[in-house]
Protein backbone atom coordinates (compact mmCIF):
# COMPACT_ATOMS: atom_id res chain seq x y z
CA MET A 1 -9.80 -0.34 17.07
CA THR A 2 -6.94 -2.70 16.37
CA ARG A 3 -4.79 -3.89 19.14
CA LEU A 4 -1.77 -1.87 17.80
CA ALA A 5 -3.84 1.37 17.70
CA THR A 6 -5.09 0.73 21.26
CA ARG A 7 -1.58 0.16 22.55
CA ALA A 8 -0.33 3.41 20.76
CA ARG A 9 -3.24 5.36 22.15
CA ASP A 10 -2.64 4.16 25.71
CA ARG A 11 1.11 4.75 25.33
CA LEU A 12 0.55 8.37 24.26
CA ALA A 13 -1.70 8.90 27.29
CA ASP A 14 1.58 8.69 29.27
CA PRO A 15 2.83 12.32 29.25
CA LEU A 16 6.57 11.25 29.18
CA ALA A 17 5.97 9.02 26.11
CA LEU A 18 3.98 11.83 24.51
CA ALA A 19 6.69 14.40 25.13
CA HIS A 20 9.21 12.06 23.55
CA ALA A 21 7.08 11.32 20.48
CA HIS A 22 6.09 14.95 20.01
CA GLY A 23 9.69 16.10 20.43
CA VAL A 24 11.03 13.63 17.92
CA SER A 25 8.23 14.57 15.46
CA THR A 26 9.01 18.26 15.89
CA MET A 27 12.74 17.71 15.26
CA ILE A 28 11.96 15.67 12.12
CA SER A 29 9.54 18.36 10.71
CA GLY A 30 12.05 21.08 11.59
CA ALA A 31 14.92 19.23 9.94
CA TRP A 32 12.99 18.65 6.67
CA PRO A 33 13.80 22.08 5.04
CA LEU A 34 17.31 21.91 6.29
CA LEU A 35 17.85 18.54 4.58
CA SER A 36 15.76 19.15 1.45
CA LEU A 37 14.52 22.64 0.86
CA ARG A 38 13.56 21.59 -2.67
CA SER A 39 11.05 18.94 -1.49
CA PHE A 40 9.78 21.26 1.31
CA GLU A 41 9.06 23.98 -1.20
CA ALA A 42 7.43 21.52 -3.54
CA VAL A 43 4.80 20.84 -0.82
CA PHE A 44 4.57 24.30 0.84
CA GLY A 45 5.47 26.63 -1.94
CA PRO A 46 8.54 28.67 -2.84
CA LYS A 47 9.99 30.83 -0.16
CA GLU A 48 11.43 34.26 -0.74
CA ASP A 49 13.33 34.52 2.59
CA ARG A 50 15.17 31.23 2.91
CA TRP A 51 17.13 32.57 5.92
CA LEU A 52 13.77 32.71 7.71
CA VAL A 53 12.92 29.17 6.72
CA TYR A 54 16.18 28.03 8.13
CA THR A 55 15.73 29.99 11.28
CA VAL A 56 12.31 28.54 12.04
CA SER A 57 13.65 25.11 11.11
CA GLY A 58 16.52 25.41 13.60
CA MET A 59 14.14 26.60 16.28
CA LEU A 60 11.79 23.71 15.71
CA VAL A 61 14.73 21.16 15.96
CA THR A 62 15.75 22.90 19.16
CA ASN A 63 12.25 22.89 20.64
CA GLY A 64 11.82 19.25 19.87
CA LEU A 65 15.13 18.41 21.35
CA GLY A 66 14.01 20.36 24.42
CA GLN A 67 10.91 18.24 24.76
CA VAL A 68 12.90 15.02 24.43
CA LEU A 69 15.36 16.07 27.09
CA ALA A 70 12.57 17.23 29.34
CA ALA A 71 10.84 13.88 28.93
CA ARG A 72 14.14 12.11 29.87
CA GLU A 73 14.33 14.19 33.04
CA GLY A 74 10.71 13.64 33.93
CA ALA A 75 9.87 17.34 33.51
CA VAL A 76 6.36 16.92 32.16
CA SER A 77 5.33 20.60 32.68
CA THR A 78 8.31 21.76 30.63
CA ALA A 79 7.64 19.25 27.94
CA ARG A 80 3.95 20.15 27.81
CA ALA A 81 4.72 23.86 27.68
CA LEU A 82 7.19 23.42 24.85
CA GLY A 83 4.94 21.03 22.92
CA CYS A 84 1.70 23.02 23.29
CA GLY A 85 3.39 26.34 22.77
CA THR A 86 5.11 25.23 19.62
CA ALA A 87 2.07 23.42 18.20
CA GLY A 88 -0.25 26.30 19.13
CA THR A 89 1.92 28.90 17.43
CA LEU A 90 2.32 26.81 14.20
CA LEU A 91 -1.51 26.15 14.23
CA ALA A 92 -2.33 29.92 14.70
CA ILE A 93 0.04 30.86 11.88
CA ASP A 94 -1.55 28.24 9.55
CA LEU A 95 -5.09 29.29 10.38
CA VAL A 96 -4.40 33.06 9.92
CA PHE A 97 -2.20 33.06 6.84
CA VAL A 98 -3.86 30.32 4.62
CA PRO A 99 -7.14 32.18 4.49
CA ALA A 100 -5.28 35.45 3.92
CA GLY A 101 -3.65 33.89 0.86
CA ARG A 102 -0.13 34.46 2.20
CA ILE A 103 0.76 30.77 2.46
CA ARG A 104 -0.26 27.69 0.50
CA TRP A 105 -3.43 25.68 1.34
CA THR A 106 -1.18 22.73 2.08
CA TYR A 107 -0.40 24.31 5.41
CA LEU A 108 -3.85 23.23 6.47
CA PHE A 109 -2.41 19.70 6.70
CA ASP A 110 0.12 21.13 9.20
CA ALA A 111 -2.71 22.87 11.00
CA ALA A 112 -4.49 19.53 11.47
CA TYR A 113 -1.23 17.79 12.56
CA GLU A 114 -0.58 20.49 15.20
CA ALA A 115 -4.19 20.22 16.43
CA VAL A 116 -3.75 16.52 16.95
CA TRP A 117 -0.72 17.14 19.14
CA ILE A 118 -2.61 19.66 21.20
CA GLY A 119 -5.57 17.23 21.61
CA LEU A 120 -3.14 14.49 22.68
CA TRP A 121 -1.72 16.77 25.36
CA ARG A 122 -5.20 17.60 26.57
CA ARG A 123 -5.93 13.88 26.93
CA ALA A 124 -2.65 12.89 28.50
CA ARG A 125 -2.65 11.80 32.11
CA THR A 126 -1.71 14.53 34.44
CA SER A 127 0.07 12.35 37.03
């Protein structure tokens, strides 16, 4: 493992750093369809109910911001609950609706991404 990768892994073992990183990531992924619905649909397929895309996007931005603010206040349990709850919900949706043919196979990339965040939270120091 490279020195940079080792430092990143060690940094993400700190729950406050993990909460901040996860929150920023969630805000960015939530903002994507708000900033460019065309590119989002190019990857994840056309959406019939754009209002729903915008609603979920706004909620993701809000959840991510909540994680970042919780990290700033040292509220690890709140940040962990927001992060794992959000990632777990998205993971479950991906794993149910891709096999059912309701959403594109590309959502499996999101499923893997969400599983990584959950794994990082499981490995994060508890104190």
